[in-house]
Structures are given as structure tokens and as C-alpha cells.
Full PDB file with SEQRES, HELIX, SHEET, SSBOND, CRYST1, ORIGX, SCALE, CONECT and MASTER records, all heavy atoms in Angstrom:
SEQRES   1 A   34  ILE ASP THR VAL GLN SER LYS MET LEU MET ASN CYS SER          
SEQRES   2 A   34  ASP CYS ALA GLU THR GLN LYS GLN LEU ILE LEU ASN PHE          
SEQRES   3 A   34  ILE ASP LYS VAL LYS LYS HIS CYS                              
HELIX    1 AA1 ASP A    2  ASN A   11  1                                  10    
HELIX    2 AA2 GLU A   17  HIS A   33  1                                  17    
SSBOND   1 CYS A   12    CYS A   15                          1555   1555  1.79  
CRYST1    1.000    1.000    1.000  90.00  90.00  90.00 P 1           1          
ORIGX1      1.000000  0.000000  0.000000        0.00000                         
ORIGX2      0.000000  1.000000  0.000000        0.00000                         
ORIGX3      0.000000  0.000000  1.000000        0.00000                         
SCALE1      1.000000  0.000000  0.000000        0.00000                         
SCALE2      0.000000  1.000000  0.000000        0.00000                         
SCALE3      0.000000  0.000000  1.000000        0.00000                         
ATOM      1  N   ILE A   1      -1.003  -3.437   6.161  1.00  0.00           N  
ATOM      2  CA  ILE A   1      -1.393  -4.564   5.351  1.00  0.00           C  
ATOM      3  C   ILE A   1      -0.463  -5.662   5.457  1.00  0.00           C  
ATOM      4  O   ILE A   1      -0.802  -6.851   5.591  1.00  0.00           O  
ATOM      5  CB  ILE A   1      -1.460  -4.068   3.896  1.00  0.00           C  
ATOM      6  CG1 ILE A   1      -2.636  -3.040   3.694  1.00  0.00           C  
ATOM      7  CG2 ILE A   1      -1.731  -5.240   2.887  1.00  0.00           C  
ATOM      8  CD1 ILE A   1      -2.670  -2.442   2.187  1.00  0.00           C  
ATOM      9  N   ASP A   2       0.901  -5.440   5.452  1.00  0.00           N  
ATOM     10  CA  ASP A   2       1.878  -6.412   5.572  1.00  0.00           C  
ATOM     11  C   ASP A   2       1.677  -7.147   6.979  1.00  0.00           C  
ATOM     12  O   ASP A   2       1.764  -8.329   7.105  1.00  0.00           O  
ATOM     13  CB  ASP A   2       3.300  -5.781   5.501  1.00  0.00           C  
ATOM     14  CG  ASP A   2       3.558  -5.302   4.137  1.00  0.00           C  
ATOM     15  OD1 ASP A   2       2.911  -5.820   3.299  1.00  0.00           O  
ATOM     16  OD2 ASP A   2       4.568  -4.578   3.967  1.00  0.00           O  
ATOM     17  N   THR A   3       1.318  -6.350   8.008  1.00  0.00           N  
ATOM     18  CA  THR A   3       1.014  -6.958   9.342  1.00  0.00           C  
ATOM     19  C   THR A   3      -0.129  -7.869   9.379  1.00  0.00           C  
ATOM     20  O   THR A   3       0.017  -8.994   9.869  1.00  0.00           O  
ATOM     21  CB  THR A   3       0.808  -5.743  10.430  1.00  0.00           C  
ATOM     22  OG1 THR A   3       2.020  -4.975  10.488  1.00  0.00           O  
ATOM     23  CG2 THR A   3       0.651  -6.495  11.856  1.00  0.00           C  
ATOM     24  N   VAL A   4      -1.124  -7.454   8.692  1.00  0.00           N  
ATOM     25  CA  VAL A   4      -2.375  -8.264   8.572  1.00  0.00           C  
ATOM     26  C   VAL A   4      -2.030  -9.666   7.776  1.00  0.00           C  
ATOM     27  O   VAL A   4      -2.470 -10.710   8.242  1.00  0.00           O  
ATOM     28  CB  VAL A   4      -3.489  -7.451   7.831  1.00  0.00           C  
ATOM     29  CG1 VAL A   4      -4.619  -8.421   7.575  1.00  0.00           C  
ATOM     30  CG2 VAL A   4      -4.058  -6.330   8.701  1.00  0.00           C  
ATOM     31  N   GLN A   5      -1.359  -9.488   6.770  1.00  0.00           N  
ATOM     32  CA  GLN A   5      -0.904 -10.626   5.990  1.00  0.00           C  
ATOM     33  C   GLN A   5      -0.053 -11.648   6.787  1.00  0.00           C  
ATOM     34  O   GLN A   5      -0.261 -12.804   6.655  1.00  0.00           O  
ATOM     35  CB  GLN A   5      -0.209 -10.210   4.711  1.00  0.00           C  
ATOM     36  CG  GLN A   5       0.386 -11.460   3.831  1.00  0.00           C  
ATOM     37  CD  GLN A   5       1.016 -10.962   2.638  1.00  0.00           C  
ATOM     38  OE1 GLN A   5       0.632 -10.152   1.961  1.00  0.00           O  
ATOM     39  NE2 GLN A   5       2.279 -11.613   2.314  1.00  0.00           N  
ATOM     40  N   SER A   6       0.853 -11.074   7.549  1.00  0.00           N  
ATOM     41  CA  SER A   6       1.696 -11.927   8.466  1.00  0.00           C  
ATOM     42  C   SER A   6       0.876 -12.591   9.454  1.00  0.00           C  
ATOM     43  O   SER A   6       1.083 -13.889   9.688  1.00  0.00           O  
ATOM     44  CB  SER A   6       2.813 -11.068   9.043  1.00  0.00           C  
ATOM     45  OG  SER A   6       3.634 -10.573   8.103  1.00  0.00           O  
ATOM     46  N   LYS A   7      -0.035 -11.984  10.108  1.00  0.00           N  
ATOM     47  CA  LYS A   7      -0.924 -12.635  11.033  1.00  0.00           C  
ATOM     48  C   LYS A   7      -1.745 -13.806  10.576  1.00  0.00           C  
ATOM     49  O   LYS A   7      -1.955 -14.748  11.043  1.00  0.00           O  
ATOM     50  CB  LYS A   7      -1.821 -11.557  11.765  1.00  0.00           C  
ATOM     51  CG  LYS A   7      -1.049 -10.563  12.716  1.00  0.00           C  
ATOM     52  CD  LYS A   7      -2.023  -9.519  13.333  1.00  0.00           C  
ATOM     53  CE  LYS A   7      -1.264  -8.677  14.206  1.00  0.00           C  
ATOM     54  NZ  LYS A   7      -2.178  -7.570  14.909  1.00  0.00           N  
ATOM     55  N   MET A   8      -2.402 -13.396   9.294  1.00  0.00           N  
ATOM     56  CA  MET A   8      -3.154 -14.480   8.584  1.00  0.00           C  
ATOM     57  C   MET A   8      -2.436 -15.609   8.314  1.00  0.00           C  
ATOM     58  O   MET A   8      -2.884 -16.713   8.451  1.00  0.00           O  
ATOM     59  CB  MET A   8      -3.950 -13.816   7.504  1.00  0.00           C  
ATOM     60  CG  MET A   8      -4.883 -12.765   7.704  1.00  0.00           C  
ATOM     61  SD  MET A   8      -5.824 -12.014   6.408  1.00  0.00           S  
ATOM     62  CE  MET A   8      -7.030 -13.512   5.964  1.00  0.00           C  
ATOM     63  N   LEU A   9      -1.257 -15.504   7.777  1.00  0.00           N  
ATOM     64  CA  LEU A   9      -0.442 -16.638   7.331  1.00  0.00           C  
ATOM     65  C   LEU A   9       0.080 -17.377   8.577  1.00  0.00           C  
ATOM     66  O   LEU A   9       0.233 -18.576   8.534  1.00  0.00           O  
ATOM     67  CB  LEU A   9       0.895 -16.135   6.545  1.00  0.00           C  
ATOM     68  CG  LEU A   9       0.416 -15.579   5.005  1.00  0.00           C  
ATOM     69  CD1 LEU A   9       1.612 -14.950   4.346  1.00  0.00           C  
ATOM     70  CD2 LEU A   9      -0.164 -16.795   4.152  1.00  0.00           C  
ATOM     71  N   MET A  10       0.417 -16.618   9.641  1.00  0.00           N  
ATOM     72  CA  MET A  10       0.853 -17.222  10.790  1.00  0.00           C  
ATOM     73  C   MET A  10      -0.210 -18.295  11.386  1.00  0.00           C  
ATOM     74  O   MET A  10       0.052 -19.226  11.870  1.00  0.00           O  
ATOM     75  CB  MET A  10       1.260 -16.299  11.822  1.00  0.00           C  
ATOM     76  CG  MET A  10       1.985 -16.869  13.067  1.00  0.00           C  
ATOM     77  SD  MET A  10       2.448 -15.585  14.244  1.00  0.00           S  
ATOM     78  CE  MET A  10       3.554 -14.585  13.256  1.00  0.00           C  
ATOM     79  N   ASN A  11      -1.507 -17.717  11.429  1.00  0.00           N  
ATOM     80  CA  ASN A  11      -2.623 -18.439  11.859  1.00  0.00           C  
ATOM     81  C   ASN A  11      -2.866 -19.783  10.984  1.00  0.00           C  
ATOM     82  O   ASN A  11      -3.593 -20.620  11.473  1.00  0.00           O  
ATOM     83  CB  ASN A  11      -3.744 -17.663  11.987  1.00  0.00           C  
ATOM     84  CG  ASN A  11      -3.739 -16.617  13.035  1.00  0.00           C  
ATOM     85  OD1 ASN A  11      -2.910 -16.688  13.935  1.00  0.00           O  
ATOM     86  ND2 ASN A  11      -4.577 -15.604  13.001  1.00  0.00           N  
ATOM     87  N   CYS A  12      -2.401 -19.711   9.759  1.00  0.00           N  
ATOM     88  CA  CYS A  12      -2.613 -20.704   8.840  1.00  0.00           C  
ATOM     89  C   CYS A  12      -1.403 -21.380   8.366  1.00  0.00           C  
ATOM     90  O   CYS A  12      -1.323 -21.872   7.296  1.00  0.00           O  
ATOM     91  CB  CYS A  12      -3.339 -20.040   7.566  1.00  0.00           C  
ATOM     92  SG  CYS A  12      -4.562 -21.074   6.721  1.00  0.00           S  
ATOM     93  N   SER A  13      -0.513 -21.522   9.152  1.00  0.00           N  
ATOM     94  CA  SER A  13       0.876 -22.184   8.878  1.00  0.00           C  
ATOM     95  C   SER A  13       0.735 -23.611   8.456  1.00  0.00           C  
ATOM     96  O   SER A  13       1.532 -24.160   7.713  1.00  0.00           O  
ATOM     97  CB  SER A  13       1.925 -22.075  10.062  1.00  0.00           C  
ATOM     98  OG  SER A  13       1.210 -22.737  11.253  1.00  0.00           O  
ATOM     99  N   ASP A  14      -0.294 -24.340   8.987  1.00  0.00           N  
ATOM    100  CA  ASP A  14      -0.570 -25.667   8.712  1.00  0.00           C  
ATOM    101  C   ASP A  14      -1.650 -25.975   7.687  1.00  0.00           C  
ATOM    102  O   ASP A  14      -2.187 -26.907   7.460  1.00  0.00           O  
ATOM    103  CB  ASP A  14      -0.771 -26.487   9.876  1.00  0.00           C  
ATOM    104  CG  ASP A  14      -2.021 -26.053  10.650  1.00  0.00           C  
ATOM    105  OD1 ASP A  14      -2.485 -24.896  10.409  1.00  0.00           O  
ATOM    106  OD2 ASP A  14      -2.437 -26.741  11.529  1.00  0.00           O  
ATOM    107  N   CYS A  15      -1.984 -24.775   7.036  1.00  0.00           N  
ATOM    108  CA  CYS A  15      -3.137 -24.890   6.093  1.00  0.00           C  
ATOM    109  C   CYS A  15      -2.633 -25.384   4.714  1.00  0.00           C  
ATOM    110  O   CYS A  15      -1.430 -25.403   4.373  1.00  0.00           O  
ATOM    111  CB  CYS A  15      -3.797 -23.447   5.859  1.00  0.00           C  
ATOM    112  SG  CYS A  15      -4.672 -22.789   7.212  1.00  0.00           S  
ATOM    113  N   ALA A  16      -3.610 -25.843   3.896  1.00  0.00           N  
ATOM    114  CA  ALA A  16      -3.321 -26.223   2.640  1.00  0.00           C  
ATOM    115  C   ALA A  16      -2.896 -25.075   1.699  1.00  0.00           C  
ATOM    116  O   ALA A  16      -3.231 -24.008   2.075  1.00  0.00           O  
ATOM    117  CB  ALA A  16      -4.559 -26.906   1.946  1.00  0.00           C  
ATOM    118  N   GLU A  17      -2.273 -25.263   0.643  1.00  0.00           N  
ATOM    119  CA  GLU A  17      -1.684 -24.199  -0.215  1.00  0.00           C  
ATOM    120  C   GLU A  17      -2.885 -23.492  -0.831  1.00  0.00           C  
ATOM    121  O   GLU A  17      -2.749 -22.178  -1.113  1.00  0.00           O  
ATOM    122  CB  GLU A  17      -0.755 -24.877  -1.324  1.00  0.00           C  
ATOM    123  CG  GLU A  17       0.450 -25.332  -0.881  1.00  0.00           C  
ATOM    124  CD  GLU A  17       1.310 -24.151  -0.227  1.00  0.00           C  
ATOM    125  OE1 GLU A  17       1.307 -22.953  -0.766  1.00  0.00           O  
ATOM    126  OE2 GLU A  17       1.860 -24.372   0.784  1.00  0.00           O  
ATOM    127  N   THR A  18      -4.035 -24.128  -1.164  1.00  0.00           N  
ATOM    128  CA  THR A  18      -5.141 -23.391  -1.554  1.00  0.00           C  
ATOM    129  C   THR A  18      -5.727 -22.318  -0.543  1.00  0.00           C  
ATOM    130  O   THR A  18      -6.136 -21.297  -1.076  1.00  0.00           O  
ATOM    131  CB  THR A  18      -6.392 -24.327  -1.856  1.00  0.00           C  
ATOM    132  OG1 THR A  18      -6.558 -25.118  -0.834  1.00  0.00           O  
ATOM    133  CG2 THR A  18      -5.968 -25.210  -3.054  1.00  0.00           C  
ATOM    134  N   GLN A  19      -5.590 -22.685   0.801  1.00  0.00           N  
ATOM    135  CA  GLN A  19      -6.068 -21.694   1.642  1.00  0.00           C  
ATOM    136  C   GLN A  19      -4.929 -20.506   1.847  1.00  0.00           C  
ATOM    137  O   GLN A  19      -5.408 -19.314   1.927  1.00  0.00           O  
ATOM    138  CB  GLN A  19      -6.110 -22.348   3.093  1.00  0.00           C  
ATOM    139  CG  GLN A  19      -7.341 -23.432   3.148  1.00  0.00           C  
ATOM    140  CD  GLN A  19      -7.334 -24.151   4.393  1.00  0.00           C  
ATOM    141  OE1 GLN A  19      -6.431 -24.845   4.744  1.00  0.00           O  
ATOM    142  NE2 GLN A  19      -8.458 -24.120   5.116  1.00  0.00           N  
ATOM    143  N   LYS A  20      -3.711 -20.828   1.804  1.00  0.00           N  
ATOM    144  CA  LYS A  20      -2.693 -19.844   1.797  1.00  0.00           C  
ATOM    145  C   LYS A  20      -2.910 -18.760   0.569  1.00  0.00           C  
ATOM    146  O   LYS A  20      -2.646 -17.641   0.777  1.00  0.00           O  
ATOM    147  CB  LYS A  20      -1.374 -20.393   1.788  1.00  0.00           C  
ATOM    148  CG  LYS A  20      -1.007 -21.095   3.198  1.00  0.00           C  
ATOM    149  CD  LYS A  20       0.339 -21.832   3.251  1.00  0.00           C  
ATOM    150  CE  LYS A  20       0.583 -22.546   4.465  1.00  0.00           C  
ATOM    151  NZ  LYS A  20       1.878 -23.287   4.525  1.00  0.00           N  
ATOM    152  N   GLN A  21      -3.147 -19.472  -0.614  1.00  0.00           N  
ATOM    153  CA  GLN A  21      -3.251 -18.718  -1.747  1.00  0.00           C  
ATOM    154  C   GLN A  21      -4.520 -17.642  -1.565  1.00  0.00           C  
ATOM    155  O   GLN A  21      -4.522 -16.585  -2.070  1.00  0.00           O  
ATOM    156  CB  GLN A  21      -3.541 -19.547  -3.008  1.00  0.00           C  
ATOM    157  CG  GLN A  21      -3.554 -18.765  -4.268  1.00  0.00           C  
ATOM    158  CD  GLN A  21      -2.257 -17.857  -4.472  1.00  0.00           C  
ATOM    159  OE1 GLN A  21      -1.152 -18.311  -4.500  1.00  0.00           O  
ATOM    160  NE2 GLN A  21      -2.524 -16.597  -4.802  1.00  0.00           N  
ATOM    161  N   LEU A  22      -5.577 -18.313  -0.884  1.00  0.00           N  
ATOM    162  CA  LEU A  22      -6.772 -17.441  -0.703  1.00  0.00           C  
ATOM    163  C   LEU A  22      -6.396 -16.199   0.151  1.00  0.00           C  
ATOM    164  O   LEU A  22      -7.024 -15.083  -0.077  1.00  0.00           O  
ATOM    165  CB  LEU A  22      -7.869 -18.282  -0.114  1.00  0.00           C  
ATOM    166  CG  LEU A  22      -9.271 -17.670  -0.023  1.00  0.00           C  
ATOM    167  CD1 LEU A  22      -9.687 -17.286  -1.341  1.00  0.00           C  
ATOM    168  CD2 LEU A  22     -10.214 -18.668   0.641  1.00  0.00           C  
ATOM    169  N   ILE A  23      -5.517 -16.454   1.217  1.00  0.00           N  
ATOM    170  CA  ILE A  23      -5.151 -15.292   1.988  1.00  0.00           C  
ATOM    171  C   ILE A  23      -4.361 -14.206   1.238  1.00  0.00           C  
ATOM    172  O   ILE A  23      -4.685 -12.979   1.289  1.00  0.00           O  
ATOM    173  CB  ILE A  23      -4.145 -15.794   3.116  1.00  0.00           C  
ATOM    174  CG1 ILE A  23      -4.919 -16.700   4.188  1.00  0.00           C  
ATOM    175  CG2 ILE A  23      -3.471 -14.590   3.789  1.00  0.00           C  
ATOM    176  CD1 ILE A  23      -4.008 -17.349   5.133  1.00  0.00           C  
ATOM    177  N   LEU A  24      -3.583 -14.654   0.195  1.00  0.00           N  
ATOM    178  CA  LEU A  24      -2.838 -13.733  -0.584  1.00  0.00           C  
ATOM    179  C   LEU A  24      -3.839 -13.045  -1.538  1.00  0.00           C  
ATOM    180  O   LEU A  24      -3.723 -11.866  -1.753  1.00  0.00           O  
ATOM    181  CB  LEU A  24      -1.757 -14.374  -1.478  1.00  0.00           C  
ATOM    182  CG  LEU A  24      -0.769 -15.136  -0.562  1.00  0.00           C  
ATOM    183  CD1 LEU A  24       0.328 -15.809  -1.448  1.00  0.00           C  
ATOM    184  CD2 LEU A  24       0.172 -14.065   0.306  1.00  0.00           C  
ATOM    185  N   ASN A  25      -4.829 -13.710  -2.017  1.00  0.00           N  
ATOM    186  CA  ASN A  25      -5.836 -13.048  -2.851  1.00  0.00           C  
ATOM    187  C   ASN A  25      -6.615 -11.992  -2.069  1.00  0.00           C  
ATOM    188  O   ASN A  25      -6.884 -11.005  -2.603  1.00  0.00           O  
ATOM    189  CB  ASN A  25      -6.843 -14.104  -3.357  1.00  0.00           C  
ATOM    190  CG  ASN A  25      -6.254 -14.953  -4.413  1.00  0.00           C  
ATOM    191  OD1 ASN A  25      -5.046 -14.790  -4.997  1.00  0.00           O  
ATOM    192  ND2 ASN A  25      -6.721 -16.270  -4.686  1.00  0.00           N  
ATOM    193  N   PHE A  26      -6.854 -12.392  -0.850  1.00  0.00           N  
ATOM    194  CA  PHE A  26      -7.568 -11.376   0.058  1.00  0.00           C  
ATOM    195  C   PHE A  26      -6.843 -10.254   0.290  1.00  0.00           C  
ATOM    196  O   PHE A  26      -7.373  -9.110   0.057  1.00  0.00           O  
ATOM    197  CB  PHE A  26      -7.889 -12.100   1.341  1.00  0.00           C  
ATOM    198  CG  PHE A  26      -8.711 -11.173   2.327  1.00  0.00           C  
ATOM    199  CD1 PHE A  26     -10.016 -10.920   2.088  1.00  0.00           C  
ATOM    200  CD2 PHE A  26      -8.066 -10.688   3.377  1.00  0.00           C  
ATOM    201  CE1 PHE A  26     -10.711 -10.059   3.023  1.00  0.00           C  
ATOM    202  CE2 PHE A  26      -8.812  -9.762   4.315  1.00  0.00           C  
ATOM    203  CZ  PHE A  26     -10.077  -9.602   4.012  1.00  0.00           C  
ATOM    204  N   ILE A  27      -5.515 -10.338   0.529  1.00  0.00           N  
ATOM    205  CA  ILE A  27      -4.576  -9.176   0.760  1.00  0.00           C  
ATOM    206  C   ILE A  27      -4.513  -8.245  -0.451  1.00  0.00           C  
ATOM    207  O   ILE A  27      -4.500  -7.098  -0.376  1.00  0.00           O  
ATOM    208  CB  ILE A  27      -3.219  -9.724   1.311  1.00  0.00           C  
ATOM    209  CG1 ILE A  27      -3.362 -10.411   2.660  1.00  0.00           C  
ATOM    210  CG2 ILE A  27      -2.307  -8.528   1.266  1.00  0.00           C  
ATOM    211  CD1 ILE A  27      -3.786  -9.491   3.741  1.00  0.00           C  
ATOM    212  N   ASP A  28      -4.419  -9.005  -1.582  1.00  0.00           N  
ATOM    213  CA  ASP A  28      -4.543  -8.122  -2.919  1.00  0.00           C  
ATOM    214  C   ASP A  28      -5.682  -7.303  -2.966  1.00  0.00           C  
ATOM    215  O   ASP A  28      -5.570  -6.106  -3.477  1.00  0.00           O  
ATOM    216  CB  ASP A  28      -4.412  -9.112  -4.110  1.00  0.00           C  
ATOM    217  CG  ASP A  28      -2.915  -9.619  -4.348  1.00  0.00           C  
ATOM    218  OD1 ASP A  28      -2.007  -9.113  -3.712  1.00  0.00           O  
ATOM    219  OD2 ASP A  28      -2.916 -10.694  -5.034  1.00  0.00           O  
ATOM    220  N   LYS A  29      -6.864  -7.902  -2.602  1.00  0.00           N  
ATOM    221  CA  LYS A  29      -8.073  -6.932  -2.546  1.00  0.00           C  
ATOM    222  C   LYS A  29      -8.156  -5.898  -1.636  1.00  0.00           C  
ATOM    223  O   LYS A  29      -8.451  -4.719  -1.900  1.00  0.00           O  
ATOM    224  CB  LYS A  29      -9.354  -8.024  -2.420  1.00  0.00           C  
ATOM    225  CG  LYS A  29      -9.596  -8.952  -3.560  1.00  0.00           C  
ATOM    226  CD  LYS A  29     -10.781  -9.800  -3.190  1.00  0.00           C  
ATOM    227  CE  LYS A  29     -11.137 -10.713  -4.400  1.00  0.00           C  
ATOM    228  NZ  LYS A  29     -11.788  -9.959  -5.528  1.00  0.00           N  
ATOM    229  N   VAL A  30      -7.508  -6.198  -0.388  1.00  0.00           N  
ATOM    230  CA  VAL A  30      -7.330  -5.118   0.491  1.00  0.00           C  
ATOM    231  C   VAL A  30      -6.435  -3.959  -0.078  1.00  0.00           C  
ATOM    232  O   VAL A  30      -6.773  -2.829   0.096  1.00  0.00           O  
ATOM    233  CB  VAL A  30      -6.776  -5.717   1.836  1.00  0.00           C  
ATOM    234  CG1 VAL A  30      -6.450  -4.570   2.831  1.00  0.00           C  
ATOM    235  CG2 VAL A  30      -7.656  -6.672   2.495  1.00  0.00           C  
ATOM    236  N   LYS A  31      -5.375  -4.371  -0.715  1.00  0.00           N  
ATOM    237  CA  LYS A  31      -4.451  -3.411  -1.175  1.00  0.00           C  
ATOM    238  C   LYS A  31      -5.196  -2.402  -2.241  1.00  0.00           C  
ATOM    239  O   LYS A  31      -5.103  -1.338  -2.286  1.00  0.00           O  
ATOM    240  CB  LYS A  31      -3.354  -4.020  -1.820  1.00  0.00           C  
ATOM    241  CG  LYS A  31      -2.207  -4.597  -0.936  1.00  0.00           C  
ATOM    242  CD  LYS A  31      -1.151  -5.344  -1.672  1.00  0.00           C  
ATOM    243  CE  LYS A  31      -0.141  -6.010  -0.634  1.00  0.00           C  
ATOM    244  NZ  LYS A  31       0.895  -6.740  -1.503  1.00  0.00           N  
ATOM    245  N   LYS A  32      -6.065  -3.092  -3.130  1.00  0.00           N  
ATOM    246  CA  LYS A  32      -6.804  -2.478  -4.052  1.00  0.00           C  
ATOM    247  C   LYS A  32      -7.814  -1.324  -3.571  1.00  0.00           C  
ATOM    248  O   LYS A  32      -8.078  -0.259  -4.088  1.00  0.00           O  
ATOM    249  CB  LYS A  32      -7.513  -3.348  -4.969  1.00  0.00           C  
ATOM    250  CG  LYS A  32      -6.610  -4.156  -5.900  1.00  0.00           C  
ATOM    251  CD  LYS A  32      -7.410  -5.111  -6.756  1.00  0.00           C  
ATOM    252  CE  LYS A  32      -6.646  -6.078  -7.564  1.00  0.00           C  
ATOM    253  NZ  LYS A  32      -7.355  -7.088  -8.272  1.00  0.00           N  
ATOM    254  N   HIS A  33      -8.252  -1.594  -2.295  1.00  0.00           N  
ATOM    255  CA  HIS A  33      -9.210  -0.705  -1.658  1.00  0.00           C  
ATOM    256  C   HIS A  33      -8.524   0.388  -0.842  1.00  0.00           C  
ATOM    257  O   HIS A  33      -9.215   1.230  -0.260  1.00  0.00           O  
ATOM    258  CB  HIS A  33     -10.201  -1.484  -0.842  1.00  0.00           C  
ATOM    259  CG  HIS A  33     -11.184  -2.248  -1.618  1.00  0.00           C  
ATOM    260  ND1 HIS A  33     -12.131  -1.726  -2.522  1.00  0.00           N  
ATOM    261  CD2 HIS A  33     -11.376  -3.584  -1.729  1.00  0.00           C  
ATOM    262  CE1 HIS A  33     -12.734  -2.542  -3.062  1.00  0.00           C  
ATOM    263  NE2 HIS A  33     -12.376  -3.825  -2.608  1.00  0.00           N  
ATOM    264  N   CYS A  34      -7.171   0.173  -0.616  1.00  0.00           N  
ATOM    265  CA  CYS A  34      -6.531   1.211   0.149  1.00  0.00           C  
ATOM    266  C   CYS A  34      -5.952   2.259  -0.819  1.00  0.00           C  
ATOM    267  O   CYS A  34      -5.591   1.978  -1.835  1.00  0.00           O  
ATOM    268  CB  CYS A  34      -5.347   0.569   0.921  1.00  0.00           C  
ATOM    269  SG  CYS A  34      -5.818  -0.174   2.594  1.00  0.00           S  
TER     270      CYS A  34                                                      
CONECT   92  112                                                                
CONECT  112   92                                                                
MASTER        0    0    0    2    0    0    0    6  269    1    2    3          
END                                                                             
């Protein structure tokens, strides 16, 4: 999960903060299902 998060954030290094927050929200949901 940490690896997926790192890859997503790396691909979005120039994204707006709202997009980066959406990544973190997505990872939280992934964690809940694991």
C-alpha cells in the first residue's frame, strides 16, 4: 500500500493540493479494504 501511495504521489508531484489529498483519501479506502 505504501508503494502504491508513493507511485501515485510521484506521478502527481506537480498536481494541486486537492488532487494530492484525493490520492491520500483513496489510499485510506484501500487500507480499509485490506
